[in-house]
Amino acid sequence: MVKRKIIWSNKAKIKLFEILEYYTERNKSTAYSKKLYDKFSKGLVLLREQPEIGIKTDFEEVRGLIVEDYILFYEI
């Protein structure tokens, strides 16, 4: 079996941090941010195992995985 590695772009890392920070500030707690991060992480585990599960986009190599109200765009 091929081992896949997930590589985050710098822009994606910044956006993730901004999203988590937003909910921490809004809720005055890290509880929801931690839950959301866990959901993102579980989605990424699924993508490693089954990269074709994401929805197709207009770009041939780009797919998207829906997690809560967000879409994680990725290339295989």
C-alpha atoms as a PDB file:
ATOM      1  CA  MET A   1       0.000   0.000   0.000  1.00  0.00           C
ATOM      2  CA  VAL A   2       1.243   3.452  -0.892  1.00  0.00           C
ATOM      3  CA  LYS A   3       1.791   5.765   2.060  1.00  0.00           C
ATOM      4  CA  ARG A   4       0.394   9.194   1.374  1.00  0.00           C
ATOM      5  CA  LYS A   5       1.587  12.347   3.026  1.00  0.00           C
ATOM      6  CA  ILE A   6      -0.521  15.451   3.488  1.00  0.00           C
ATOM      7  CA  ILE A   7       1.338  18.656   2.789  1.00  0.00           C
ATOM      8  CA  TRP A   8      -0.320  21.899   3.839  1.00  0.00           C
ATOM      9  CA  SER A   9       0.384  25.054   1.887  1.00  0.00           C
ATOM     10  CA  ASN A  10       1.442  28.053   3.941  1.00  0.00           C
ATOM     11  CA  LYS A  11      -1.805  29.810   3.013  1.00  0.00           C
ATOM     12  CA  ALA A  12      -3.841  26.810   4.198  1.00  0.00           C
ATOM     13  CA  LYS A  13      -1.973  26.709   7.524  1.00  0.00           C
ATOM     14  CA  ILE A  14      -2.670  30.403   8.076  1.00  0.00           C
ATOM     15  CA  LYS A  15      -6.370  30.005   7.219  1.00  0.00           C
ATOM     16  CA  LEU A  16      -6.697  27.054   9.578  1.00  0.00           C
ATOM     17  CA  PHE A  17      -5.119  29.059  12.385  1.00  0.00           C
ATOM     18  CA  GLU A  18      -7.418  32.026  11.644  1.00  0.00           C
ATOM     19  CA  ILE A  19     -10.527  29.821  11.717  1.00  0.00           C
ATOM     20  CA  LEU A  20      -9.580  28.193  15.018  1.00  0.00           C
ATOM     21  CA  GLU A  21      -8.563  31.513  16.542  1.00  0.00           C
ATOM     22  CA  TYR A  22     -11.853  33.091  15.444  1.00  0.00           C
ATOM     23  CA  TYR A  23     -13.918  30.505  17.320  1.00  0.00           C
ATOM     24  CA  THR A  24     -11.667  30.713  20.371  1.00  0.00           C
ATOM     25  CA  GLU A  25     -12.169  34.496  20.538  1.00  0.00           C
ATOM     26  CA  ARG A  26     -15.875  34.332  19.737  1.00  0.00           C
ATOM     27  CA  ASN A  27     -16.663  31.643  22.286  1.00  0.00           C
ATOM     28  CA  LYS A  28     -14.082  32.733  24.892  1.00  0.00           C
ATOM     29  CA  SER A  29     -13.073  29.076  24.999  1.00  0.00           C
ATOM     30  CA  THR A  30     -10.963  26.646  23.018  1.00  0.00           C
ATOM     31  CA  ALA A  31     -13.504  23.808  23.298  1.00  0.00           C
ATOM     32  CA  TYR A  32     -15.177  24.288  19.897  1.00  0.00           C
ATOM     33  CA  SER A  33     -11.868  25.017  18.148  1.00  0.00           C
ATOM     34  CA  LYS A  34     -10.482  21.727  19.462  1.00  0.00           C
ATOM     35  CA  LYS A  35     -13.570  19.828  18.282  1.00  0.00           C
ATOM     36  CA  LEU A  36     -13.355  21.442  14.849  1.00  0.00           C
ATOM     37  CA  TYR A  37      -9.635  20.665  14.587  1.00  0.00           C
ATOM     38  CA  ASP A  38     -10.373  17.036  15.498  1.00  0.00           C
ATOM     39  CA  LYS A  39     -12.978  16.874  12.726  1.00  0.00           C
ATOM     40  CA  PHE A  40     -10.485  18.291  10.222  1.00  0.00           C
ATOM     41  CA  SER A  41      -7.913  15.728  11.388  1.00  0.00           C
ATOM     42  CA  LYS A  42     -10.363  12.829  11.033  1.00  0.00           C
ATOM     43  CA  GLY A  43     -11.230  14.020   7.534  1.00  0.00           C
ATOM     44  CA  LEU A  44      -7.554  14.067   6.620  1.00  0.00           C
ATOM     45  CA  VAL A  45      -7.116  10.511   7.882  1.00  0.00           C
ATOM     46  CA  LEU A  46      -9.947   9.449   5.567  1.00  0.00           C
ATOM     47  CA  LEU A  47      -8.283  11.259   2.666  1.00  0.00           C
ATOM     48  CA  ARG A  48      -5.033   9.395   3.218  1.00  0.00           C
ATOM     49  CA  GLU A  49      -6.896   6.099   3.011  1.00  0.00           C
ATOM     50  CA  GLN A  50      -9.396   7.024   0.293  1.00  0.00           C
ATOM     51  CA  PRO A  51      -8.293  10.111  -1.644  1.00  0.00           C
ATOM     52  CA  GLU A  52     -11.095   9.776  -4.188  1.00  0.00           C
ATOM     53  CA  ILE A  53     -13.872  10.437  -1.641  1.00  0.00           C
ATOM     54  CA  GLY A  54     -13.771  14.209  -2.057  1.00  0.00           C
ATOM     55  CA  ILE A  55     -16.134  16.000  -4.417  1.00  0.00           C
ATOM     56  CA  LYS A  56     -14.845  16.861  -7.870  1.00  0.00           C
ATOM     57  CA  THR A  57     -14.195  20.492  -8.765  1.00  0.00           C
ATOM     58  CA  ASP A  58     -13.796  22.287 -12.072  1.00  0.00           C
ATOM     59  CA  PHE A  59     -10.067  21.583 -11.869  1.00  0.00           C
ATOM     60  CA  GLU A  60      -9.239  18.009 -12.839  1.00  0.00           C
ATOM     61  CA  GLU A  61      -6.737  17.243 -10.069  1.00  0.00           C
ATOM     62  CA  VAL A  62      -8.471  19.219  -7.310  1.00  0.00           C
ATOM     63  CA  ARG A  63     -11.130  17.767  -5.038  1.00  0.00           C
ATOM     64  CA  GLY A  64     -12.860  19.020  -1.914  1.00  0.00           C
ATOM     65  CA  LEU A  65     -13.790  17.347   1.352  1.00  0.00           C
ATOM     66  CA  ILE A  66     -16.659  18.899   3.279  1.00  0.00           C
ATOM     67  CA  VAL A  67     -16.043  19.229   7.023  1.00  0.00           C
ATOM     68  CA  GLU A  68     -18.726  21.120   8.940  1.00  0.00           C
ATOM     69  CA  ASP A  69     -19.191  24.432   7.090  1.00  0.00           C
ATOM     70  CA  TYR A  70     -15.808  24.225   5.360  1.00  0.00           C
ATOM     71  CA  ILE A  71     -14.370  22.588   2.274  1.00  0.00           C
ATOM     72  CA  LEU A  72     -10.828  21.262   2.424  1.00  0.00           C
ATOM     73  CA  PHE A  73      -9.488  21.508  -1.124  1.00  0.00           C
ATOM     74  CA  TYR A  74      -6.717  19.110  -2.056  1.00  0.00           C
ATOM     75  CA  GLU A  75      -4.779  17.552  -4.899  1.00  0.00           C
ATOM     76  CA  ILE A  76      -3.914  13.898  -5.158  1.00  0.00           C
END
